[in-house]
Amino acid sequence: DPEALAVAAAADDPASRAAASAERAFERRLGGGCSAAIAAY
């Protein structure tokens, strides 16, 4: 949906995306879910 993509992307915050991307990549590599005690900041 290119129109919705454009509308949303206009509000993207690069700092939030970089921080969250690192955190989510950490969790993804571990394969953890809500039953695991995983934290990242």
Full PDB file with SEQRES, HELIX, SHEET, SSBOND, CRYST1, ORIGX, SCALE, CONECT and MASTER records, all heavy atoms in Angstrom:
SEQRES   1 A   41  ASP PRO GLU ALA LEU ALA VAL ALA ALA ALA ALA ASP ASP          
SEQRES   2 A   41  PRO ALA SER ARG ALA ALA ALA SER ALA GLU ARG ALA PHE          
SEQRES   3 A   41  GLU ARG ARG LEU GLY GLY GLY CYS SER ALA ALA ILE ALA          
SEQRES   4 A   41  ALA TYR                                                      
HELIX    1 AA1 PRO A    2  ALA A    9  1                                   8    
HELIX    2 AA2 PRO A   14  LEU A   30  1                                  17    
CRYST1    1.000    1.000    1.000  90.00  90.00  90.00 P 1           1          
ORIGX1      1.000000  0.000000  0.000000        0.00000                         
ORIGX2      0.000000  1.000000  0.000000        0.00000                         
ORIGX3      0.000000  0.000000  1.000000        0.00000                         
SCALE1      1.000000  0.000000  0.000000        0.00000                         
SCALE2      0.000000  1.000000  0.000000        0.00000                         
SCALE3      0.000000  0.000000  1.000000        0.00000                         
ATOM      1  N   ASP A   1       0.852  -1.190   0.000  1.00  0.00           N  
ATOM      2  CA  ASP A   1       0.000   0.000   0.000  1.00  0.00           C  
ATOM      3  C   ASP A   1       0.888   1.240   0.000  1.00  0.00           C  
ATOM      4  O   ASP A   1       1.227   1.780   1.056  1.00  0.00           O  
ATOM      5  CB  ASP A   1      -0.914  -0.009   1.236  1.00  0.00           C  
ATOM      6  CG  ASP A   1      -1.937   1.121   1.228  1.00  0.00           C  
ATOM      7  OD1 ASP A   1      -1.770   2.092   0.455  1.00  0.00           O  
ATOM      8  OD2 ASP A   1      -2.906   1.032   2.008  1.00  0.00           O  
ATOM      9  N   PRO A   2       1.305   1.714  -1.188  1.00  0.00           N  
ATOM     10  CA  PRO A   2       2.277   2.814  -1.237  1.00  0.00           C  
ATOM     11  C   PRO A   2       1.770   4.108  -0.611  1.00  0.00           C  
ATOM     12  O   PRO A   2       2.562   4.870  -0.037  1.00  0.00           O  
ATOM     13  CB  PRO A   2       2.548   2.985  -2.734  1.00  0.00           C  
ATOM     14  CG  PRO A   2       1.396   2.330  -3.427  1.00  0.00           C  
ATOM     15  CD  PRO A   2       0.948   1.236  -2.539  1.00  0.00           C  
ATOM     16  N   GLU A   3       0.459   4.379  -0.715  1.00  0.00           N  
ATOM     17  CA  GLU A   3      -0.060   5.618  -0.123  1.00  0.00           C  
ATOM     18  C   GLU A   3       0.060   5.580   1.400  1.00  0.00           C  
ATOM     19  O   GLU A   3       0.514   6.544   2.022  1.00  0.00           O  
ATOM     20  CB  GLU A   3      -1.517   5.827  -0.536  1.00  0.00           C  
ATOM     21  CG  GLU A   3      -1.713   6.268  -1.972  1.00  0.00           C  
ATOM     22  CD  GLU A   3      -3.169   6.545  -2.262  1.00  0.00           C  
ATOM     23  OE1 GLU A   3      -3.968   5.590  -2.316  1.00  0.00           O  
ATOM     24  OE2 GLU A   3      -3.521   7.742  -2.401  1.00  0.00           O  
ATOM     25  N   ALA A   4      -0.352   4.485   2.014  1.00  0.00           N  
ATOM     26  CA  ALA A   4      -0.261   4.371   3.473  1.00  0.00           C  
ATOM     27  C   ALA A   4       1.200   4.342   3.916  1.00  0.00           C  
ATOM     28  O   ALA A   4       1.558   4.921   4.948  1.00  0.00           O  
ATOM     29  CB  ALA A   4      -0.996   3.120   3.944  1.00  0.00           C  
ATOM     30  N   LEU A   5       2.044   3.675   3.139  1.00  0.00           N  
ATOM     31  CA  LEU A   5       3.475   3.650   3.446  1.00  0.00           C  
ATOM     32  C   LEU A   5       4.047   5.066   3.488  1.00  0.00           C  
ATOM     33  O   LEU A   5       4.800   5.415   4.400  1.00  0.00           O  
ATOM     34  CB  LEU A   5       4.225   2.817   2.401  1.00  0.00           C  
ATOM     35  CG  LEU A   5       4.226   1.306   2.578  1.00  0.00           C  
ATOM     36  CD1 LEU A   5       4.676   0.626   1.287  1.00  0.00           C  
ATOM     37  CD2 LEU A   5       5.165   0.905   3.724  1.00  0.00           C  
ATOM     38  N   ALA A   6       3.684   5.881   2.520  1.00  0.00           N  
ATOM     39  CA  ALA A   6       4.209   7.243   2.449  1.00  0.00           C  
ATOM     40  C   ALA A   6       3.707   8.094   3.606  1.00  0.00           C  
ATOM     41  O   ALA A   6       4.468   8.866   4.201  1.00  0.00           O  
ATOM     42  CB  ALA A   6       3.825   7.883   1.115  1.00  0.00           C  
ATOM     43  N   VAL A   7       2.421   7.952   3.929  1.00  0.00           N  
ATOM     44  CA  VAL A   7       1.842   8.721   5.031  1.00  0.00           C  
ATOM     45  C   VAL A   7       2.531   8.372   6.345  1.00  0.00           C  
ATOM     46  O   VAL A   7       2.908   9.245   7.133  1.00  0.00           O  
ATOM     47  CB  VAL A   7       0.320   8.458   5.121  1.00  0.00           C  
ATOM     48  CG1 VAL A   7      -0.242   8.947   6.454  1.00  0.00           C  
ATOM     49  CG2 VAL A   7      -0.401   9.154   3.972  1.00  0.00           C  
ATOM     50  N   ALA A   8       2.707   7.075   6.595  1.00  0.00           N  
ATOM     51  CA  ALA A   8       3.334   6.658   7.846  1.00  0.00           C  
ATOM     52  C   ALA A   8       4.806   7.019   7.886  1.00  0.00           C  
ATOM     53  O   ALA A   8       5.312   7.527   8.902  1.00  0.00           O  
ATOM     54  CB  ALA A   8       3.146   5.158   8.042  1.00  0.00           C  
ATOM     55  N   ALA A   9       5.528   6.763   6.810  1.00  0.00           N  
ATOM     56  CA  ALA A   9       6.977   6.990   6.787  1.00  0.00           C  
ATOM     57  C   ALA A   9       7.334   8.450   7.042  1.00  0.00           C  
ATOM     58  O   ALA A   9       8.414   8.750   7.575  1.00  0.00           O  
ATOM     59  CB  ALA A   9       7.552   6.533   5.453  1.00  0.00           C  
ATOM     60  N   ALA A  10       6.427   9.353   6.704  1.00  0.00           N  
ATOM     61  CA  ALA A  10       6.691  10.776   6.920  1.00  0.00           C  
ATOM     62  C   ALA A  10       6.826  11.111   8.400  1.00  0.00           C  
ATOM     63  O   ALA A  10       7.418  12.134   8.756  1.00  0.00           O  
ATOM     64  CB  ALA A  10       5.581  11.607   6.290  1.00  0.00           C  
ATOM     65  N   ALA A  11       6.285  10.252   9.269  1.00  0.00           N  
ATOM     66  CA  ALA A  11       6.343  10.506  10.713  1.00  0.00           C  
ATOM     67  C   ALA A  11       7.424   9.688  11.409  1.00  0.00           C  
ATOM     68  O   ALA A  11       7.549   9.741  12.635  1.00  0.00           O  
ATOM     69  CB  ALA A  11       4.977  10.211  11.338  1.00  0.00           C  
ATOM     70  N   ASP A  12       8.208   8.925  10.652  1.00  0.00           N  
ATOM     71  CA  ASP A  12       9.224   8.057  11.256  1.00  0.00           C  
ATOM     72  C   ASP A  12      10.311   8.867  11.949  1.00  0.00           C  
ATOM     73  O   ASP A  12      10.745   9.902  11.438  1.00  0.00           O  
ATOM     74  CB  ASP A  12       9.848   7.174  10.175  1.00  0.00           C  
ATOM     75  CG  ASP A  12      10.758   6.105  10.736  1.00  0.00           C  
ATOM     76  OD1 ASP A  12      10.299   5.357  11.613  1.00  0.00           O  
ATOM     77  OD2 ASP A  12      11.919   6.001  10.294  1.00  0.00           O  
ATOM     78  N   ASP A  13      10.729   8.409  13.123  1.00  0.00           N  
ATOM     79  CA  ASP A  13      11.794   9.068  13.876  1.00  0.00           C  
ATOM     80  C   ASP A  13      13.064   8.237  13.779  1.00  0.00           C  
ATOM     81  O   ASP A  13      13.104   7.110  14.289  1.00  0.00           O  
ATOM     82  CB  ASP A  13      11.380   9.223  15.339  1.00  0.00           C  
ATOM     83  CG  ASP A  13      12.436   9.930  16.158  1.00  0.00           C  
ATOM     84  OD1 ASP A  13      12.615  11.144  15.964  1.00  0.00           O  
ATOM     85  OD2 ASP A  13      13.090   9.267  16.992  1.00  0.00           O  
ATOM     86  N   PRO A  14      14.118   8.739  13.130  1.00  0.00           N  
ATOM     87  CA  PRO A  14      15.325   7.928  12.914  1.00  0.00           C  
ATOM     88  C   PRO A  14      15.970   7.427  14.196  1.00  0.00           C  
ATOM     89  O   PRO A  14      16.477   6.296  14.242  1.00  0.00           O  
ATOM     90  CB  PRO A  14      16.254   8.885  12.153  1.00  0.00           C  
ATOM     91  CG  PRO A  14      15.342   9.871  11.498  1.00  0.00           C  
ATOM     92  CD  PRO A  14      14.208  10.044  12.446  1.00  0.00           C  
ATOM     93  N   ALA A  15      15.966   8.226  15.247  1.00  0.00           N  
ATOM     94  CA  ALA A  15      16.595   7.790  16.499  1.00  0.00           C  
ATOM     95  C   ALA A  15      15.820   6.641  17.125  1.00  0.00           C  
ATOM     96  O   ALA A  15      16.411   5.658  17.584  1.00  0.00           O  
ATOM     97  CB  ALA A  15      16.690   8.957  17.472  1.00  0.00           C  
ATOM     98  N   SER A  16      14.498   6.747  17.137  1.00  0.00           N  
ATOM     99  CA  SER A  16      13.680   5.649  17.660  1.00  0.00           C  
ATOM    100  C   SER A  16      13.885   4.387  16.846  1.00  0.00           C  
ATOM    101  O   SER A  16      13.997   3.284  17.394  1.00  0.00           O  
ATOM    102  CB  SER A  16      12.193   6.028  17.635  1.00  0.00           C  
ATOM    103  OG  SER A  16      11.866   6.902  18.680  1.00  0.00           O  
ATOM    104  N   ARG A  17      13.931   4.539  15.537  1.00  0.00           N  
ATOM    105  CA  ARG A  17      14.083   3.357  14.672  1.00  0.00           C  
ATOM    106  C   ARG A  17      15.441   2.699  14.895  1.00  0.00           C  
ATOM    107  O   ARG A  17      15.530   1.472  14.983  1.00  0.00           O  
ATOM    108  CB  ARG A  17      13.916   3.739  13.197  1.00  0.00           C  
ATOM    109  CG  ARG A  17      14.058   2.543  12.257  1.00  0.00           C  
ATOM    110  CD  ARG A  17      13.613   2.862  10.851  1.00  0.00           C  
ATOM    111  NE  ARG A  17      12.176   3.042  10.765  1.00  0.00           N  
ATOM    112  CZ  ARG A  17      11.301   2.053  10.613  1.00  0.00           C  
ATOM    113  NH1 ARG A  17      11.718   0.790  10.562  1.00  0.00           N  
ATOM    114  NH2 ARG A  17      10.026   2.311  10.515  1.00  0.00           N  
ATOM    115  N   ALA A  18      16.500   3.478  15.005  1.00  0.00           N  
ATOM    116  CA  ALA A  18      17.823   2.889  15.204  1.00  0.00           C  
ATOM    117  C   ALA A  18      17.886   2.155  16.543  1.00  0.00           C  
ATOM    118  O   ALA A  18      18.361   1.010  16.624  1.00  0.00           O  
ATOM    119  CB  ALA A  18      18.896   3.967  15.146  1.00  0.00           C  
ATOM    120  N   ALA A  19      17.390   2.795  17.602  1.00  0.00           N  
ATOM    121  CA  ALA A  19      17.427   2.164  18.929  1.00  0.00           C  
ATOM    122  C   ALA A  19      16.592   0.894  18.944  1.00  0.00           C  
ATOM    123  O   ALA A  19      17.042  -0.167  19.403  1.00  0.00           O  
ATOM    124  CB  ALA A  19      16.925   3.149  19.982  1.00  0.00           C  
ATOM    125  N   ALA A  20      15.366   0.986  18.440  1.00  0.00           N  
ATOM    126  CA  ALA A  20      14.475  -0.174  18.461  1.00  0.00           C  
ATOM    127  C   ALA A  20      14.972  -1.285  17.549  1.00  0.00           C  
ATOM    128  O   ALA A  20      14.788  -2.475  17.849  1.00  0.00           O  
ATOM    129  CB  ALA A  20      13.063   0.246  18.057  1.00  0.00           C  
ATOM    130  N   SER A  21      15.596  -0.934  16.453  1.00  0.00           N  
ATOM    131  CA  SER A  21      16.126  -1.949  15.538  1.00  0.00           C  
ATOM    132  C   SER A  21      17.213  -2.778  16.221  1.00  0.00           C  
ATOM    133  O   SER A  21      17.264  -3.997  16.071  1.00  0.00           O  
ATOM    134  CB  SER A  21      16.677  -1.296  14.274  1.00  0.00           C  
ATOM    135  OG  SER A  21      15.632  -0.692  13.526  1.00  0.00           O  
ATOM    136  N   ALA A  22      18.089  -2.116  16.986  1.00  0.00           N  
ATOM    137  CA  ALA A  22      19.128  -2.845  17.712  1.00  0.00           C  
ATOM    138  C   ALA A  22      18.499  -3.774  18.750  1.00  0.00           C  
ATOM    139  O   ALA A  22      18.891  -4.940  18.882  1.00  0.00           O  
ATOM    140  CB  ALA A  22      20.083  -1.858  18.385  1.00  0.00           C  
ATOM    141  N   GLU A  23      17.514  -3.262  19.481  1.00  0.00           N  
ATOM    142  CA  GLU A  23      16.859  -4.061  20.519  1.00  0.00           C  
ATOM    143  C   GLU A  23      16.132  -5.262  19.924  1.00  0.00           C  
ATOM    144  O   GLU A  23      16.212  -6.383  20.434  1.00  0.00           O  
ATOM    145  CB  GLU A  23      15.873  -3.177  21.291  1.00  0.00           C  
ATOM    146  CG  GLU A  23      16.539  -2.059  22.073  1.00  0.00           C  
ATOM    147  CD  GLU A  23      15.586  -0.948  22.481  1.00  0.00           C  
ATOM    148  OE1 GLU A  23      14.353  -1.173  22.454  1.00  0.00           O  
ATOM    149  OE2 GLU A  23      16.053   0.149  22.819  1.00  0.00           O  
ATOM    150  N   ARG A  24      15.420  -5.037  18.829  1.00  0.00           N  
ATOM    151  CA  ARG A  24      14.638  -6.106  18.215  1.00  0.00           C  
ATOM    152  C   ARG A  24      15.543  -7.142  17.536  1.00  0.00           C  
ATOM    153  O   ARG A  24      15.233  -8.338  17.526  1.00  0.00           O  
ATOM    154  CB  ARG A  24      13.633  -5.508  17.220  1.00  0.00           C  
ATOM    155  CG  ARG A  24      12.439  -4.878  17.923  1.00  0.00           C  
ATOM    156  CD  ARG A  24      11.621  -3.972  17.016  1.00  0.00           C  
ATOM    157  NE  ARG A  24      11.016  -4.695  15.900  1.00  0.00           N  
ATOM    158  CZ  ARG A  24       9.883  -5.400  15.995  1.00  0.00           C  
ATOM    159  NH1 ARG A  24       9.264  -5.512  17.160  1.00  0.00           N  
ATOM    160  NH2 ARG A  24       9.371  -5.988  14.928  1.00  0.00           N  
ATOM    161  N   ALA A  25      16.667  -6.703  16.996  1.00  0.00           N  
ATOM    162  CA  ALA A  25      17.616  -7.657  16.408  1.00  0.00           C  
ATOM    163  C   ALA A  25      18.215  -8.547  17.492  1.00  0.00           C  
ATOM    164  O   ALA A  25      18.430  -9.747  17.288  1.00  0.00           O  
ATOM    165  CB  ALA A  25      18.721  -6.913  15.659  1.00  0.00           C  
ATOM    166  N   PHE A  26      18.474  -7.964  18.656  1.00  0.00           N  
ATOM    167  CA  PHE A  26      18.961  -8.733  19.800  1.00  0.00           C  
ATOM    168  C   PHE A  26      17.944  -9.811  20.183  1.00  0.00           C  
ATOM    169  O   PHE A  26      18.287 -10.987  20.314  1.00  0.00           O  
ATOM    170  CB  PHE A  26      19.200  -7.771  20.965  1.00  0.00           C  
ATOM    171  CG  PHE A  26      19.399  -8.446  22.299  1.00  0.00           C  
ATOM    172  CD1 PHE A  26      20.581  -9.107  22.595  1.00  0.00           C  
ATOM    173  CD2 PHE A  26      18.394  -8.408  23.261  1.00  0.00           C  
ATOM    174  CE1 PHE A  26      20.761  -9.720  23.837  1.00  0.00           C  
ATOM    175  CE2 PHE A  26      18.567  -9.017  24.491  1.00  0.00           C  
ATOM    176  CZ  PHE A  26      19.753  -9.684  24.777  1.00  0.00           C  
ATOM    177  N   GLU A  27      16.706  -9.416  20.346  1.00  0.00           N  
ATOM    178  CA  GLU A  27      15.663 -10.372  20.725  1.00  0.00           C  
ATOM    179  C   GLU A  27      15.436 -11.428  19.648  1.00  0.00           C  
ATOM    180  O   GLU A  27      15.262 -12.610  19.939  1.00  0.00           O  
ATOM    181  CB  GLU A  27      14.356  -9.624  21.010  1.00  0.00           C  
ATOM    182  CG  GLU A  27      13.234 -10.536  21.458  1.00  0.00           C  
ATOM    183  CD  GLU A  27      11.952  -9.770  21.678  1.00  0.00           C  
ATOM    184  OE1 GLU A  27      11.477  -9.108  20.717  1.00  0.00           O  
ATOM    185  OE2 GLU A  27      11.422  -9.822  22.790  1.00  0.00           O  
ATOM    186  N   ARG A  28      15.454 -10.997  18.401  1.00  0.00           N  
ATOM    187  CA  ARG A  28      15.225 -11.922  17.285  1.00  0.00           C  
ATOM    188  C   ARG A  28      16.311 -12.995  17.239  1.00  0.00           C  
ATOM    189  O   ARG A  28      16.022 -14.176  17.031  1.00  0.00           O  
ATOM    190  CB  ARG A  28      15.181 -11.118  15.987  1.00  0.00           C  
ATOM    191  CG  ARG A  28      14.680 -11.868  14.781  1.00  0.00           C  
ATOM    192  CD  ARG A  28      14.259 -10.908  13.670  1.00  0.00           C  
ATOM    193  NE  ARG A  28      15.289  -9.947  13.329  1.00  0.00           N  
ATOM    194  CZ  ARG A  28      15.172  -8.623  13.509  1.00  0.00           C  
ATOM    195  NH1 ARG A  28      14.084  -8.095  14.059  1.00  0.00           N  
ATOM    196  NH2 ARG A  28      16.155  -7.804  13.153  1.00  0.00           N  
ATOM    197  N   ARG A  29      17.548 -12.596  17.455  1.00  0.00           N  
ATOM    198  CA  ARG A  29      18.642 -13.566  17.438  1.00  0.00           C  
ATOM    199  C   ARG A  29      18.519 -14.568  18.589  1.00  0.00           C  
ATOM    200  O   ARG A  29      18.820 -15.748  18.429  1.00  0.00           O  
ATOM    201  CB  ARG A  29      19.986 -12.827  17.510  1.00  0.00           C  
ATOM    202  CG  ARG A  29      21.205 -13.733  17.658  1.00  0.00           C  
ATOM    203  CD  ARG A  29      21.413 -14.602  16.423  1.00  0.00           C  
ATOM    204  NE  ARG A  29      22.553 -15.497  16.600  1.00  0.00           N  
ATOM    205  CZ  ARG A  29      22.503 -16.704  17.187  1.00  0.00           C  
ATOM    206  NH1 ARG A  29      21.335 -17.150  17.657  1.00  0.00           N  
ATOM    207  NH2 ARG A  29      23.582 -17.446  17.296  1.00  0.00           N  
ATOM    208  N   LEU A  30      18.030 -14.100  19.733  1.00  0.00           N  
ATOM    209  CA  LEU A  30      17.849 -15.000  20.871  1.00  0.00           C  
ATOM    210  C   LEU A  30      16.628 -15.892  20.705  1.00  0.00           C  
ATOM    211  O   LEU A  30      16.552 -16.968  21.298  1.00  0.00           O  
ATOM    212  CB  LEU A  30      17.703 -14.200  22.168  1.00  0.00           C  
ATOM    213  CG  LEU A  30      18.953 -13.533  22.725  1.00  0.00           C  
ATOM    214  CD1 LEU A  30      18.591 -12.690  23.932  1.00  0.00           C  
ATOM    215  CD2 LEU A  30      20.010 -14.565  23.096  1.00  0.00           C  
ATOM    216  N   GLY A  31      15.653 -15.426  19.917  1.00  0.00           N  
ATOM    217  CA  GLY A  31      14.424 -16.196  19.747  1.00  0.00           C  
ATOM    218  C   GLY A  31      13.534 -16.146  20.966  1.00  0.00           C  
ATOM    219  O   GLY A  31      12.733 -17.046  21.205  1.00  0.00           O  
ATOM    220  N   GLY A  32      13.646 -15.086  21.769  1.00  0.00           N  
ATOM    221  CA  GLY A  32      12.879 -14.996  23.005  1.00  0.00           C  
ATOM    222  C   GLY A  32      11.494 -14.435  22.794  1.00  0.00           C  
ATOM    223  O   GLY A  32      11.233 -13.703  21.845  1.00  0.00           O  
ATOM    224  N   GLY A  33      10.587 -14.793  23.695  1.00  0.00           N  
ATOM    225  CA  GLY A  33       9.230 -14.275  23.687  1.00  0.00           C  
ATOM    226  C   GLY A  33       8.858 -13.776  25.062  1.00  0.00           C  
ATOM    227  O   GLY A  33       9.710 -13.462  25.890  1.00  0.00           O  
ATOM    228  N   CYS A  34       7.537 -13.733  25.337  1.00  0.00           N  
ATOM    229  CA  CYS A  34       7.090 -13.141  26.591  1.00  0.00           C  
ATOM    230  C   CYS A  34       7.395 -14.016  27.794  1.00  0.00           C  
ATOM    231  O   CYS A  34       7.358 -13.552  28.924  1.00  0.00           O  
ATOM    232  CB  CYS A  34       5.599 -12.860  26.521  1.00  0.00           C  
ATOM    233  SG  CYS A  34       4.600 -14.342  26.635  1.00  0.00           S  
ATOM    234  N   SER A  35       7.692 -15.301  27.585  1.00  0.00           N  
ATOM    235  CA  SER A  35       7.962 -16.179  28.726  1.00  0.00           C  
ATOM    236  C   SER A  35       9.422 -16.134  29.138  1.00  0.00           C  
ATOM    237  O   SER A  35       9.815 -16.750  30.123  1.00  0.00           O  
ATOM    238  CB  SER A  35       7.574 -17.625  28.382  1.00  0.00           C  
ATOM    239  OG  SER A  35       8.362 -18.114  27.321  1.00  0.00           O  
ATOM    240  N   ALA A  36      10.229 -15.391  28.404  1.00  0.00           N  
ATOM    241  CA  ALA A  36      11.651 -15.282  28.705  1.00  0.00           C  
ATOM    242  C   ALA A  36      11.951 -13.921  29.333  1.00  0.00           C  
ATOM    243  O   ALA A  36      11.307 -12.923  29.023  1.00  0.00           O  
ATOM    244  CB  ALA A  36      12.472 -15.460  27.437  1.00  0.00           C  
ATOM    245  N   ALA A  37      12.933 -13.900  30.234  1.00  0.00           N  
ATOM    246  CA  ALA A  37      13.345 -12.657  30.868  1.00  0.00           C  
ATOM    247  C   ALA A  37      14.424 -12.004  30.014  1.00  0.00           C  
ATOM    248  O   ALA A  37      15.619 -12.237  30.193  1.00  0.00           O  
ATOM    249  CB  ALA A  37      13.855 -12.928  32.276  1.00  0.00           C  
ATOM    250  N   ILE A  38      13.992 -11.222  29.030  1.00  0.00           N  
ATOM    251  CA  ILE A  38      14.892 -10.552  28.097  1.00  0.00           C  
ATOM    252  C   ILE A  38      14.646  -9.051  28.183  1.00  0.00           C  
ATOM    253  O   ILE A  38      13.496  -8.599  28.181  1.00  0.00           O  
ATOM    254  CB  ILE A  38      14.644 -11.033  26.651  1.00  0.00           C  
ATOM    255  CG1 ILE A  38      15.074 -12.492  26.497  1.00  0.00           C  
ATOM    256  CG2 ILE A  38      15.383 -10.151  25.646  1.00  0.00           C  
ATOM    257  CD1 ILE A  38      14.757 -13.062  25.140  1.00  0.00           C  
ATOM    258  N   ALA A  39      15.722  -8.288  28.241  1.00  0.00           N  
ATOM    259  CA  ALA A  39      15.619  -6.830  28.243  1.00  0.00           C  
ATOM    260  C   ALA A  39      16.680  -6.261  27.328  1.00  0.00           C  
ATOM    261  O   ALA A  39      17.760  -6.835  27.175  1.00  0.00           O  
ATOM    262  CB  ALA A  39      15.810  -6.282  29.659  1.00  0.00           C  
ATOM    263  N   ALA A  40      16.358  -5.135  26.708  1.00  0.00           N  
ATOM    264  CA  ALA A  40      17.351  -4.445  25.874  1.00  0.00           C  
ATOM    265  C   ALA A  40      16.953  -2.984  25.760  1.00  0.00           C  
ATOM    266  O   ALA A  40      15.768  -2.666  25.598  1.00  0.00           O  
ATOM    267  CB  ALA A  40      17.448  -5.073  24.492  1.00  0.00           C  
ATOM    268  N   TYR A  41      17.929  -2.123  25.844  1.00  0.00           N  
ATOM    269  CA  TYR A  41      17.674  -0.689  25.772  1.00  0.00           C  
ATOM    270  C   TYR A  41      18.840  -0.010  25.068  1.00  0.00           C  
ATOM    271  O   TYR A  41      19.986  -0.094  25.516  1.00  0.00           O  
ATOM    272  CB  TYR A  41      17.488  -0.115  27.174  1.00  0.00           C  
ATOM    273  CG  TYR A  41      17.322   1.381  27.223  1.00  0.00           C  
ATOM    274  CD1 TYR A  41      16.431   2.040  26.377  1.00  0.00           C  
ATOM    275  CD2 TYR A  41      18.066   2.149  28.124  1.00  0.00           C  
ATOM    276  CE1 TYR A  41      16.281   3.412  26.425  1.00  0.00           C  
ATOM    277  CE2 TYR A  41      17.921   3.524  28.184  1.00  0.00           C  
ATOM    278  CZ  TYR A  41      17.023   4.152  27.329  1.00  0.00           C  
ATOM    279  OH  TYR A  41      16.873   5.516  27.375  1.00  0.00           O  
TER     280      TYR A  41                                                      
MASTER        0    0    0    2    0    0    0    6  279    1    0    4          
END                                                                             
